[in-house]
Amino acid sequence: MAPRPPVRRTRRTLLAALVAASVALPVAAEARPSAVPAPAPAALSPLRSVTPAALDGRYAAVRRDILAAERTAGAHGDHRRAAALEAMAAPGRHFLSFDGRDGGRSAEVVGDLSRADRIAVLVPGSDTGPETYGRLRAGATALAERLGARSAVVAWLGYRTPAAASAAALTPGRADAAAGELRGFIEELRRATPRARVSVLCHSYGSVVCGRAAAGLDVADLVLYGSPGTGAPDVAALHTRATVWAGRAAGDWIAEVPHTRLQLPFTTVGFGADPVSPAFGARLFAAGDGGHSDYLRPGSVPLDSIARIVTGHGRA
């Protein structure tokens, strides 16, 4: 019987096959959402205060930008995008920022930011955009409800996420571009809320973004869940003073992703060490037996674990 190939060679073969399959998919499928036109948003001053009056003015200004993008999408004939933007502009929704161009960017607050002692910032993974934004908001809402009073959750869609079935989801390019945006957002948020405890929650490909941004994030916790890796071999290599947590549900398919990095002539494929492995060095939290999209499901084990971390009562 022929000897089994080394594990590293098997993983590289699998990664190469994944890249080939991703590249072979129609590029238009991923590019289409970014092709929907939108006007440039109004210039906003940095967020310096979270008084109710300051926030009301900010929310109203951003709502006007969303409505302008809705009208443009409707005129373009993209009724799905227009309907999604109409929902985002509904009374009672609170956005700190919005830009409808290049697939869409936004930051929405769930809860009362003016009174929040603890703030969670959600960084989503692949396939997240205006048309699928309801999933991100549902998770933010569930977490905000679990956290209760004096808490706020920010759904940060601050980058063009890759399509799950694409080469971009296997490489750090989108994360590299997003890392500076995340650092800038957290810096602005920390200046406006200096006494609040801030945690950054990173799902799936969002954990690659957080890994790239980690060294510049002044936050209490960095929480990785459903993560394919961060691009770093261990917690020390993230160069962060935050407590790094990791969890993976028993039914999450991400466990089957090879945890290795392959340097190719044109890019790096894969994200390295498994964040829930002992060698990585993160504090582990109970993540239940759900699937890849179930971490913030109401009443779930991981939602409870993540809420405890955000409030400073997490248990390793």
C-alpha atoms as a PDB file:
ATOM      1  CA  MET A   1       0.000   0.000   0.000  1.00  0.00           C
ATOM      2  CA  ALA A   2       1.365   3.394  -0.957  1.00  0.00           C
ATOM      3  CA  PRO A   3       2.281   5.717   1.924  1.00  0.00           C
ATOM      4  CA  ARG A   4      -0.115   8.499   2.806  1.00  0.00           C
ATOM      5  CA  PRO A   5       0.995  11.955   1.641  1.00  0.00           C
ATOM      6  CA  PRO A   6       2.187  14.349   4.339  1.00  0.00           C
ATOM      7  CA  VAL A   7      -0.562  16.394   5.985  1.00  0.00           C
ATOM      8  CA  ARG A   8       0.951  19.647   4.758  1.00  0.00           C
ATOM      9  CA  ARG A   9       0.967  18.437   1.154  1.00  0.00           C
ATOM     10  CA  THR A  10      -2.662  17.287   1.463  1.00  0.00           C
ATOM     11  CA  ARG A  11      -3.711  20.663   2.826  1.00  0.00           C
ATOM     12  CA  ARG A  12      -1.905  22.532   0.094  1.00  0.00           C
ATOM     13  CA  THR A  13      -3.554  20.361  -2.526  1.00  0.00           C
ATOM     14  CA  LEU A  14      -6.959  21.094  -1.034  1.00  0.00           C
ATOM     15  CA  LEU A  15      -6.286  24.817  -0.861  1.00  0.00           C
ATOM     16  CA  ALA A  16      -5.121  24.839  -4.471  1.00  0.00           C
ATOM     17  CA  ALA A  17      -8.306  23.047  -5.495  1.00  0.00           C
ATOM     18  CA  LEU A  18     -10.412  25.551  -3.585  1.00  0.00           C
ATOM     19  CA  VAL A  19      -8.674  28.458  -5.282  1.00  0.00           C
ATOM     20  CA  ALA A  20      -9.115  26.907  -8.703  1.00  0.00           C
ATOM     21  CA  ALA A  21     -12.808  26.299  -8.081  1.00  0.00           C
ATOM     22  CA  SER A  22     -13.316  29.817  -6.786  1.00  0.00           C
ATOM     23  CA  VAL A  23     -11.561  31.444  -9.709  1.00  0.00           C
ATOM     24  CA  ALA A  24     -13.599  29.344 -12.129  1.00  0.00           C
ATOM     25  CA  LEU A  25     -16.880  30.726 -10.792  1.00  0.00           C
ATOM     26  CA  PRO A  26     -18.424  33.591 -12.772  1.00  0.00           C
ATOM     27  CA  VAL A  27     -16.795  36.802 -11.615  1.00  0.00           C
ATOM     28  CA  ALA A  28     -19.992  38.738 -12.318  1.00  0.00           C
ATOM     29  CA  ALA A  29     -21.750  36.993  -9.435  1.00  0.00           C
ATOM     30  CA  GLU A  30     -19.481  38.726  -6.931  1.00  0.00           C
ATOM     31  CA  ALA A  31     -19.068  41.966  -8.835  1.00  0.00           C
ATOM     32  CA  ARG A  32     -22.730  42.720  -9.421  1.00  0.00           C
ATOM     33  CA  PRO A  33     -23.620  44.276  -6.015  1.00  0.00           C
ATOM     34  CA  SER A  34     -20.701  46.679  -6.256  1.00  0.00           C
ATOM     35  CA  ALA A  35     -21.907  47.828  -9.682  1.00  0.00           C
ATOM     36  CA  VAL A  36     -25.115  49.371  -8.325  1.00  0.00           C
ATOM     37  CA  PRO A  37     -24.545  53.150  -8.443  1.00  0.00           C
ATOM     38  CA  ALA A  38     -24.919  55.346  -5.391  1.00  0.00           C
ATOM     39  CA  PRO A  39     -24.212  59.001  -4.701  1.00  0.00           C
ATOM     40  CA  ALA A  40     -21.285  60.039  -2.544  1.00  0.00           C
ATOM     41  CA  PRO A  41     -22.442  60.527   1.066  1.00  0.00           C
ATOM     42  CA  ALA A  42     -22.351  63.924   2.704  1.00  0.00           C
ATOM     43  CA  ALA A  43     -19.107  64.753   4.502  1.00  0.00           C
ATOM     44  CA  LEU A  44     -19.456  64.111   8.234  1.00  0.00           C
ATOM     45  CA  SER A  45     -17.366  65.536  11.025  1.00  0.00           C
ATOM     46  CA  PRO A  46     -15.640  62.992  13.278  1.00  0.00           C
ATOM     47  CA  LEU A  47     -17.820  61.644  16.066  1.00  0.00           C
ATOM     48  CA  ARG A  48     -16.722  63.662  19.093  1.00  0.00           C
ATOM     49  CA  SER A  49     -19.749  63.375  21.331  1.00  0.00           C
ATOM     50  CA  VAL A  50     -22.461  60.828  22.030  1.00  0.00           C
ATOM     51  CA  THR A  51     -24.929  63.168  23.685  1.00  0.00           C
ATOM     52  CA  PRO A  52     -28.513  62.497  22.553  1.00  0.00           C
ATOM     53  CA  ALA A  53     -28.567  65.759  20.587  1.00  0.00           C
ATOM     54  CA  ALA A  54     -25.293  65.007  18.793  1.00  0.00           C
ATOM     55  CA  LEU A  55     -26.385  61.485  17.940  1.00  0.00           C
ATOM     56  CA  ASP A  56     -29.806  62.579  16.716  1.00  0.00           C
ATOM     57  CA  GLY A  57     -28.145  64.992  14.295  1.00  0.00           C
ATOM     58  CA  ARG A  58     -25.754  62.317  13.089  1.00  0.00           C
ATOM     59  CA  TYR A  59     -28.473  59.708  12.626  1.00  0.00           C
ATOM     60  CA  ALA A  60     -30.644  62.162  10.669  1.00  0.00           C
ATOM     61  CA  ALA A  61     -27.778  63.132   8.343  1.00  0.00           C
ATOM     62  CA  VAL A  62     -26.894  59.513   7.596  1.00  0.00           C
ATOM     63  CA  ARG A  63     -30.528  58.627   7.027  1.00  0.00           C
ATOM     64  CA  ARG A  64     -30.613  61.229   4.253  1.00  0.00           C
ATOM     65  CA  ASP A  65     -27.635  59.514   2.632  1.00  0.00           C
ATOM     66  CA  ILE A  66     -29.383  56.133   2.777  1.00  0.00           C
ATOM     67  CA  LEU A  67     -32.543  57.561   1.214  1.00  0.00           C
ATOM     68  CA  ALA A  68     -30.494  59.164  -1.568  1.00  0.00           C
ATOM     69  CA  ALA A  69     -28.880  55.799  -2.290  1.00  0.00           C
ATOM     70  CA  GLU A  70     -32.306  54.150  -2.252  1.00  0.00           C
ATOM     71  CA  ARG A  71     -33.591  56.545  -4.899  1.00  0.00           C
ATOM     72  CA  THR A  72     -30.529  55.962  -7.062  1.00  0.00           C
ATOM     73  CA  ALA A  73     -30.812  52.174  -6.794  1.00  0.00           C
ATOM     74  CA  GLY A  74     -34.496  52.359  -7.733  1.00  0.00           C
ATOM     75  CA  ALA A  75     -33.758  54.525 -10.756  1.00  0.00           C
ATOM     76  CA  HIS A  76     -31.081  52.025 -11.781  1.00  0.00           C
ATOM     77  CA  GLY A  77     -33.668  49.249 -11.662  1.00  0.00           C
ATOM     78  CA  ASP A  78     -32.170  47.335  -8.741  1.00  0.00           C
ATOM     79  CA  HIS A  79     -35.317  46.939  -6.701  1.00  0.00           C
ATOM     80  CA  ARG A  80     -33.764  44.469  -4.274  1.00  0.00           C
ATOM     81  CA  ARG A  81     -31.101  46.974  -3.265  1.00  0.00           C
ATOM     82  CA  ALA A  82     -33.688  49.753  -3.099  1.00  0.00           C
ATOM     83  CA  ALA A  83     -35.922  47.688  -0.799  1.00  0.00           C
ATOM     84  CA  ALA A  84     -32.976  46.860   1.462  1.00  0.00           C
ATOM     85  CA  LEU A  85     -32.043  50.531   1.733  1.00  0.00           C
ATOM     86  CA  GLU A  86     -35.635  51.522   2.418  1.00  0.00           C
ATOM     87  CA  ALA A  87     -35.617  49.150   5.393  1.00  0.00           C
ATOM     88  CA  MET A  88     -32.320  50.588   6.619  1.00  0.00           C
ATOM     89  CA  ALA A  89     -33.777  54.121   6.475  1.00  0.00           C
ATOM     90  CA  ALA A  90     -36.845  53.210   8.527  1.00  0.00           C
ATOM     91  CA  PRO A  91     -37.686  55.407  11.536  1.00  0.00           C
ATOM     92  CA  GLY A  92     -35.951  54.140  14.650  1.00  0.00           C
ATOM     93  CA  ARG A  93     -32.852  52.885  12.824  1.00  0.00           C
ATOM     94  CA  HIS A  94     -29.640  54.586  13.893  1.00  0.00           C
ATOM     95  CA  PHE A  95     -26.629  54.707  11.556  1.00  0.00           C
ATOM     96  CA  LEU A  96     -23.354  56.420  12.375  1.00  0.00           C
ATOM     97  CA  SER A  97     -22.184  56.159   8.788  1.00  0.00           C
ATOM     98  CA  PHE A  98     -23.266  54.954   5.363  1.00  0.00           C
ATOM     99  CA  ASP A  99     -21.755  54.840   1.886  1.00  0.00           C
ATOM    100  CA  GLY A 100     -23.701  53.024  -0.819  1.00  0.00           C
ATOM    101  CA  ARG A 101     -20.811  52.856  -3.275  1.00  0.00           C
ATOM    102  CA  ASP A 102     -18.681  49.789  -4.070  1.00  0.00           C
ATOM    103  CA  GLY A 103     -21.067  47.290  -2.516  1.00  0.00           C
ATOM    104  CA  GLY A 104     -22.064  49.410   0.486  1.00  0.00           C
ATOM    105  CA  ARG A 105     -20.555  50.376   3.846  1.00  0.00           C
ATOM    106  CA  SER A 106     -22.386  51.206   7.073  1.00  0.00           C
ATOM    107  CA  ALA A 107     -22.211  51.291  10.859  1.00  0.00           C
ATOM    108  CA  GLU A 108     -25.505  50.891  12.712  1.00  0.00           C
ATOM    109  CA  VAL A 109     -26.088  51.306  16.435  1.00  0.00           C
ATOM    110  CA  VAL A 110     -28.511  49.014  18.234  1.00  0.00           C
ATOM    111  CA  GLY A 111     -29.166  50.328  21.737  1.00  0.00           C
ATOM    112  CA  ASP A 112     -28.546  53.682  23.380  1.00  0.00           C
ATOM    113  CA  LEU A 113     -24.974  54.716  22.626  1.00  0.00           C
ATOM    114  CA  SER A 114     -25.336  57.873  24.728  1.00  0.00           C
ATOM    115  CA  ARG A 115     -25.742  55.826  27.927  1.00  0.00           C
ATOM    116  CA  ALA A 116     -23.661  52.754  27.084  1.00  0.00           C
ATOM    117  CA  ASP A 117     -21.049  51.539  29.566  1.00  0.00           C
ATOM    118  CA  ARG A 118     -20.152  48.591  27.324  1.00  0.00           C
ATOM    119  CA  ILE A 119     -20.080  48.539  23.551  1.00  0.00           C
ATOM    120  CA  ALA A 120     -19.759  45.562  21.225  1.00  0.00           C
ATOM    121  CA  VAL A 121     -18.643  46.106  17.635  1.00  0.00           C
ATOM    122  CA  LEU A 122     -19.603  43.298  15.254  1.00  0.00           C
ATOM    123  CA  VAL A 123     -17.285  42.660  12.290  1.00  0.00           C
ATOM    124  CA  PRO A 124     -19.077  40.369   9.806  1.00  0.00           C
ATOM    125  CA  GLY A 125     -17.701  37.844   7.363  1.00  0.00           C
ATOM    126  CA  SER A 126     -18.333  36.956   3.747  1.00  0.00           C
ATOM    127  CA  ASP A 127     -21.513  37.559   1.775  1.00  0.00           C
ATOM    128  CA  THR A 128     -22.586  40.524   3.912  1.00  0.00           C
ATOM    129  CA  GLY A 129     -23.950  43.587   2.110  1.00  0.00           C
ATOM    130  CA  PRO A 130     -27.086  45.717   1.968  1.00  0.00           C
ATOM    131  CA  GLU A 131     -29.125  42.904   0.414  1.00  0.00           C
ATOM    132  CA  THR A 132     -28.150  40.427   3.160  1.00  0.00           C
ATOM    133  CA  TYR A 133     -27.761  42.986   5.937  1.00  0.00           C
ATOM    134  CA  GLY A 134     -30.759  41.637   7.859  1.00  0.00           C
ATOM    135  CA  ARG A 135     -28.673  38.742   9.159  1.00  0.00           C
ATOM    136  CA  LEU A 136     -26.069  41.061  10.654  1.00  0.00           C
ATOM    137  CA  ARG A 137     -28.697  43.295  12.208  1.00  0.00           C
ATOM    138  CA  ALA A 138     -30.557  40.303  13.656  1.00  0.00           C
ATOM    139  CA  GLY A 139     -27.393  39.235  15.454  1.00  0.00           C
ATOM    140  CA  ALA A 140     -26.761  42.759  16.712  1.00  0.00           C
ATOM    141  CA  THR A 141     -30.328  42.989  17.982  1.00  0.00           C
ATOM    142  CA  ALA A 142     -30.147  39.628  19.756  1.00  0.00           C
ATOM    143  CA  LEU A 143     -26.900  40.593  21.471  1.00  0.00           C
ATOM    144  CA  ALA A 144     -28.199  44.025  22.466  1.00  0.00           C
ATOM    145  CA  GLU A 145     -31.280  42.434  24.016  1.00  0.00           C
ATOM    146  CA  ARG A 146     -29.129  39.926  25.897  1.00  0.00           C
ATOM    147  CA  LEU A 147     -26.805  42.674  27.183  1.00  0.00           C
ATOM    148  CA  GLY A 148     -29.658  44.827  28.431  1.00  0.00           C
ATOM    149  CA  ALA A 149     -29.521  48.412  29.670  1.00  0.00           C
ATOM    150  CA  ARG A 150     -26.467  50.643  29.381  1.00  0.00           C
ATOM    151  CA  SER A 151     -25.137  48.643  26.449  1.00  0.00           C
ATOM    152  CA  ALA A 152     -24.901  49.252  22.716  1.00  0.00           C
ATOM    153  CA  VAL A 153     -23.999  47.064  19.763  1.00  0.00           C
ATOM    154  CA  VAL A 154     -22.545  48.475  16.555  1.00  0.00           C
ATOM    155  CA  ALA A 155     -22.983  46.436  13.387  1.00  0.00           C
ATOM    156  CA  TRP A 156     -19.873  47.527  11.467  1.00  0.00           C
ATOM    157  CA  LEU A 157     -20.070  46.771   7.762  1.00  0.00           C
ATOM    158  CA  GLY A 158     -17.038  48.856   6.966  1.00  0.00           C
ATOM    159  CA  TYR A 159     -15.569  46.914   4.070  1.00  0.00           C
ATOM    160  CA  ARG A 160     -16.518  45.103   0.903  1.00  0.00           C
ATOM    161  CA  THR A 161     -16.880  41.544   2.129  1.00  0.00           C
ATOM    162  CA  PRO A 162     -15.856  38.705  -0.176  1.00  0.00           C
ATOM    163  CA  ALA A 163     -18.326  36.236  -1.632  1.00  0.00           C
ATOM    164  CA  ALA A 164     -18.065  32.924   0.214  1.00  0.00           C
ATOM    165  CA  ALA A 165     -17.525  31.026  -3.043  1.00  0.00           C
ATOM    166  CA  SER A 166     -14.667  33.150  -4.326  1.00  0.00           C
ATOM    167  CA  ALA A 167     -10.900  33.282  -4.286  1.00  0.00           C
ATOM    168  CA  ALA A 168     -11.144  36.510  -2.268  1.00  0.00           C
ATOM    169  CA  ALA A 169     -12.554  34.541   0.689  1.00  0.00           C
ATOM    170  CA  LEU A 170      -9.363  32.459   0.823  1.00  0.00           C
ATOM    171  CA  THR A 171      -6.896  35.343   0.722  1.00  0.00           C
ATOM    172  CA  PRO A 172      -6.204  38.310   3.029  1.00  0.00           C
ATOM    173  CA  GLY A 173      -6.633  41.025   0.396  1.00  0.00           C
ATOM    174  CA  ARG A 174     -10.046  42.274   1.518  1.00  0.00           C
ATOM    175  CA  ALA A 175      -8.952  42.072   5.166  1.00  0.00           C
ATOM    176  CA  ASP A 176      -5.817  44.090   4.497  1.00  0.00           C
ATOM    177  CA  ALA A 177      -7.932  46.810   2.919  1.00  0.00           C
ATOM    178  CA  ALA A 178     -10.447  46.732   5.790  1.00  0.00           C
ATOM    179  CA  ALA A 179      -8.009  46.753   8.704  1.00  0.00           C
ATOM    180  CA  GLY A 180      -7.253  50.471   8.516  1.00  0.00           C
ATOM    181  CA  GLU A 181     -10.949  51.292   8.293  1.00  0.00           C
ATOM    182  CA  LEU A 182     -11.679  49.249  11.421  1.00  0.00           C
ATOM    183  CA  ARG A 183      -8.822  50.864  13.330  1.00  0.00           C
ATOM    184  CA  GLY A 184     -10.050  54.315  12.357  1.00  0.00           C
ATOM    185  CA  PHE A 185     -13.605  53.542  13.411  1.00  0.00           C
ATOM    186  CA  ILE A 186     -12.548  52.162  16.800  1.00  0.00           C
ATOM    187  CA  GLU A 187     -10.282  55.170  17.432  1.00  0.00           C
ATOM    188  CA  GLU A 188     -13.159  57.552  16.712  1.00  0.00           C
ATOM    189  CA  LEU A 189     -15.547  55.524  18.877  1.00  0.00           C
ATOM    190  CA  ARG A 190     -13.078  55.382  21.783  1.00  0.00           C
ATOM    191  CA  ARG A 191     -12.537  59.148  21.678  1.00  0.00           C
ATOM    192  CA  ALA A 192     -16.286  59.733  21.818  1.00  0.00           C
ATOM    193  CA  THR A 193     -16.894  57.112  24.550  1.00  0.00           C
ATOM    194  CA  PRO A 194     -13.703  57.115  26.656  1.00  0.00           C
ATOM    195  CA  ARG A 195     -15.288  55.485  29.706  1.00  0.00           C
ATOM    196  CA  ALA A 196     -17.064  52.650  27.907  1.00  0.00           C
ATOM    197  CA  ARG A 197     -15.749  49.087  27.769  1.00  0.00           C
ATOM    198  CA  VAL A 198     -15.379  48.200  24.079  1.00  0.00           C
ATOM    199  CA  SER A 199     -15.171  44.675  22.661  1.00  0.00           C
ATOM    200  CA  VAL A 200     -14.731  43.718  19.006  1.00  0.00           C
ATOM    201  CA  LEU A 201     -16.549  40.571  17.881  1.00  0.00           C
ATOM    202  CA  CYS A 202     -15.200  38.979  14.717  1.00  0.00           C
ATOM    203  CA  HIS A 203     -17.164  36.364  12.770  1.00  0.00           C
ATOM    204  CA  SER A 204     -15.767  34.141  10.027  1.00  0.00           C
ATOM    205  CA  TYR A 205     -13.757  36.203   7.497  1.00  0.00           C
ATOM    206  CA  GLY A 206     -14.284  39.140   9.861  1.00  0.00           C
ATOM    207  CA  SER A 207     -11.726  37.489  12.151  1.00  0.00           C
ATOM    208  CA  VAL A 208      -9.151  37.872   9.366  1.00  0.00           C
ATOM    209  CA  VAL A 209      -9.970  41.590   9.341  1.00  0.00           C
ATOM    210  CA  CYS A 210      -9.572  41.719  13.118  1.00  0.00           C
ATOM    211  CA  GLY A 211      -6.302  39.838  12.942  1.00  0.00           C
ATOM    212  CA  ARG A 212      -4.913  42.412  10.517  1.00  0.00           C
ATOM    213  CA  ALA A 213      -6.193  45.315  12.656  1.00  0.00           C
ATOM    214  CA  ALA A 214      -5.493  43.870  16.111  1.00  0.00           C
ATOM    215  CA  ALA A 215      -2.284  45.742  16.909  1.00  0.00           C
ATOM    216  CA  GLY A 216      -4.056  49.077  16.510  1.00  0.00           C
ATOM    217  CA  LEU A 217      -7.276  48.334  18.396  1.00  0.00           C
ATOM    218  CA  ASP A 218      -7.642  49.896  21.848  1.00  0.00           C
ATOM    219  CA  VAL A 219     -10.287  47.485  23.105  1.00  0.00           C
ATOM    220  CA  ALA A 220     -10.839  45.189  26.067  1.00  0.00           C
ATOM    221  CA  ASP A 221     -11.642  42.028  24.121  1.00  0.00           C
ATOM    222  CA  LEU A 222     -11.104  40.558  20.690  1.00  0.00           C
ATOM    223  CA  VAL A 223     -13.588  37.723  20.177  1.00  0.00           C
ATOM    224  CA  LEU A 224     -13.091  35.285  17.281  1.00  0.00           C
ATOM    225  CA  TYR A 225     -15.908  32.912  16.357  1.00  0.00           C
ATOM    226  CA  GLY A 226     -16.501  30.713  13.354  1.00  0.00           C
ATOM    227  CA  SER A 227     -12.966  31.715  12.387  1.00  0.00           C
ATOM    228  CA  PRO A 228     -10.886  30.262   9.544  1.00  0.00           C
ATOM    229  CA  GLY A 229      -7.807  31.818  11.176  1.00  0.00           C
ATOM    230  CA  THR A 230      -6.400  35.294  11.603  1.00  0.00           C
ATOM    231  CA  GLY A 231      -3.235  35.062   9.536  1.00  0.00           C
ATOM    232  CA  ALA A 232      -1.200  34.983  12.758  1.00  0.00           C
ATOM    233  CA  PRO A 233       0.398  31.837  14.229  1.00  0.00           C
ATOM    234  CA  ASP A 234      -0.637  32.670  17.789  1.00  0.00           C
ATOM    235  CA  VAL A 235      -2.060  35.345  20.071  1.00  0.00           C
ATOM    236  CA  ALA A 236       1.354  36.891  20.719  1.00  0.00           C
ATOM    237  CA  ALA A 237       1.752  37.588  16.998  1.00  0.00           C
ATOM    238  CA  LEU A 238      -1.409  39.717  17.033  1.00  0.00           C
ATOM    239  CA  HIS A 239       0.466  42.279  19.170  1.00  0.00           C
ATOM    240  CA  THR A 240      -2.639  43.281  21.086  1.00  0.00           C
ATOM    241  CA  ARG A 241      -3.251  44.143  24.725  1.00  0.00           C
ATOM    242  CA  ALA A 242      -6.836  42.949  24.386  1.00  0.00           C
ATOM    243  CA  THR A 243      -7.910  39.617  25.810  1.00  0.00           C
ATOM    244  CA  VAL A 244      -8.288  37.304  22.814  1.00  0.00           C
ATOM    245  CA  TRP A 245     -11.167  34.828  22.949  1.00  0.00           C
ATOM    246  CA  ALA A 246     -12.102  32.086  20.485  1.00  0.00           C
ATOM    247  CA  GLY A 247     -15.044  29.727  20.060  1.00  0.00           C
ATOM    248  CA  ARG A 248     -16.317  27.329  17.448  1.00  0.00           C
ATOM    249  CA  ALA A 249     -19.671  25.541  17.467  1.00  0.00           C
ATOM    250  CA  ALA A 250     -19.721  21.775  17.050  1.00  0.00           C
ATOM    251  CA  GLY A 251     -21.819  22.027  13.891  1.00  0.00           C
ATOM    252  CA  ASP A 252     -19.764  24.747  12.190  1.00  0.00           C
ATOM    253  CA  TRP A 253     -18.395  23.695   8.793  1.00  0.00           C
ATOM    254  CA  ILE A 254     -15.459  26.079   9.243  1.00  0.00           C
ATOM    255  CA  ALA A 255     -13.749  23.298  11.208  1.00  0.00           C
ATOM    256  CA  GLU A 256     -13.107  21.528   7.894  1.00  0.00           C
ATOM    257  CA  VAL A 257     -11.092  24.420   6.469  1.00  0.00           C
ATOM    258  CA  PRO A 258      -7.365  23.555   6.453  1.00  0.00           C
ATOM    259  CA  HIS A 259      -5.545  25.726   8.970  1.00  0.00           C
ATOM    260  CA  THR A 260      -2.453  26.509   6.978  1.00  0.00           C
ATOM    261  CA  ARG A 261      -1.025  29.295   4.829  1.00  0.00           C
ATOM    262  CA  LEU A 262       0.273  28.782   1.340  1.00  0.00           C
ATOM    263  CA  GLN A 263       2.468  31.471  -0.186  1.00  0.00           C
ATOM    264  CA  LEU A 264       1.870  31.677  -3.938  1.00  0.00           C
ATOM    265  CA  PRO A 265       3.661  33.996  -6.369  1.00  0.00           C
ATOM    266  CA  PHE A 266       0.654  36.334  -6.553  1.00  0.00           C
ATOM    267  CA  THR A 267      -0.961  36.018  -3.121  1.00  0.00           C
ATOM    268  CA  THR A 268      -1.180  34.129   0.164  1.00  0.00           C
ATOM    269  CA  VAL A 269      -3.893  31.491   0.462  1.00  0.00           C
ATOM    270  CA  GLY A 270      -5.262  30.385   3.831  1.00  0.00           C
ATOM    271  CA  PHE A 271      -5.129  31.970   7.271  1.00  0.00           C
ATOM    272  CA  GLY A 272      -2.876  29.766   9.354  1.00  0.00           C
ATOM    273  CA  ALA A 273      -3.349  28.538  12.891  1.00  0.00           C
ATOM    274  CA  ASP A 274      -6.727  27.440  14.222  1.00  0.00           C
ATOM    275  CA  PRO A 275      -7.822  30.044  16.808  1.00  0.00           C
ATOM    276  CA  VAL A 276      -9.411  27.357  19.022  1.00  0.00           C
ATOM    277  CA  SER A 277      -6.257  25.210  19.106  1.00  0.00           C
ATOM    278  CA  PRO A 278      -4.243  25.198  22.342  1.00  0.00           C
ATOM    279  CA  ALA A 279      -1.149  26.337  20.451  1.00  0.00           C
ATOM    280  CA  PHE A 280      -2.850  29.550  19.351  1.00  0.00           C
ATOM    281  CA  GLY A 281      -3.295  30.605  22.964  1.00  0.00           C
ATOM    282  CA  ALA A 282      -6.729  32.258  22.968  1.00  0.00           C
ATOM    283  CA  ARG A 283      -9.141  31.892  25.841  1.00  0.00           C
ATOM    284  CA  LEU A 284     -11.889  29.534  24.748  1.00  0.00           C
ATOM    285  CA  PHE A 285     -15.589  30.083  25.346  1.00  0.00           C
ATOM    286  CA  ALA A 286     -18.533  27.693  25.136  1.00  0.00           C
ATOM    287  CA  ALA A 287     -19.981  27.862  21.614  1.00  0.00           C
ATOM    288  CA  GLY A 288     -22.649  25.155  21.652  1.00  0.00           C
ATOM    289  CA  ASP A 289     -23.521  22.808  18.831  1.00  0.00           C
ATOM    290  CA  GLY A 290     -25.027  25.168  16.236  1.00  0.00           C
ATOM    291  CA  GLY A 291     -23.877  26.014  12.741  1.00  0.00           C
ATOM    292  CA  HIS A 292     -21.731  28.712  11.195  1.00  0.00           C
ATOM    293  CA  SER A 293     -24.460  31.370  11.308  1.00  0.00           C
ATOM    294  CA  ASP A 294     -25.881  30.518  14.743  1.00  0.00           C
ATOM    295  CA  TYR A 295     -23.482  32.226  17.155  1.00  0.00           C
ATOM    296  CA  LEU A 296     -25.765  35.190  17.877  1.00  0.00           C
ATOM    297  CA  ARG A 297     -29.024  33.261  17.681  1.00  0.00           C
ATOM    298  CA  PRO A 298     -31.402  34.264  20.527  1.00  0.00           C
ATOM    299  CA  GLY A 299     -31.189  31.879  23.454  1.00  0.00           C
ATOM    300  CA  SER A 300     -28.066  30.132  22.180  1.00  0.00           C
ATOM    301  CA  VAL A 301     -25.044  29.052  24.210  1.00  0.00           C
ATOM    302  CA  PRO A 302     -22.550  31.202  22.244  1.00  0.00           C
ATOM    303  CA  LEU A 303     -24.741  34.301  22.534  1.00  0.00           C
ATOM    304  CA  ASP A 304     -24.693  33.904  26.303  1.00  0.00           C
ATOM    305  CA  SER A 305     -20.926  33.342  26.305  1.00  0.00           C
ATOM    306  CA  ILE A 306     -20.251  36.372  24.122  1.00  0.00           C
ATOM    307  CA  ALA A 307     -22.538  38.576  26.219  1.00  0.00           C
ATOM    308  CA  ARG A 308     -20.600  37.583  29.336  1.00  0.00           C
ATOM    309  CA  ILE A 309     -17.341  38.533  27.643  1.00  0.00           C
ATOM    310  CA  VAL A 310     -18.687  41.924  26.561  1.00  0.00           C
ATOM    311  CA  THR A 311     -19.807  42.682  30.121  1.00  0.00           C
ATOM    312  CA  GLY A 312     -16.437  41.658  31.528  1.00  0.00           C
ATOM    313  CA  HIS A 313     -17.699  38.455  33.112  1.00  0.00           C
ATOM    314  CA  GLY A 314     -16.336  35.927  30.617  1.00  0.00           C
ATOM    315  CA  ARG A 315     -14.958  32.651  31.867  1.00  0.00           C
ATOM    316  CA  ALA A 316     -12.061  30.837  30.220  1.00  0.00           C
END
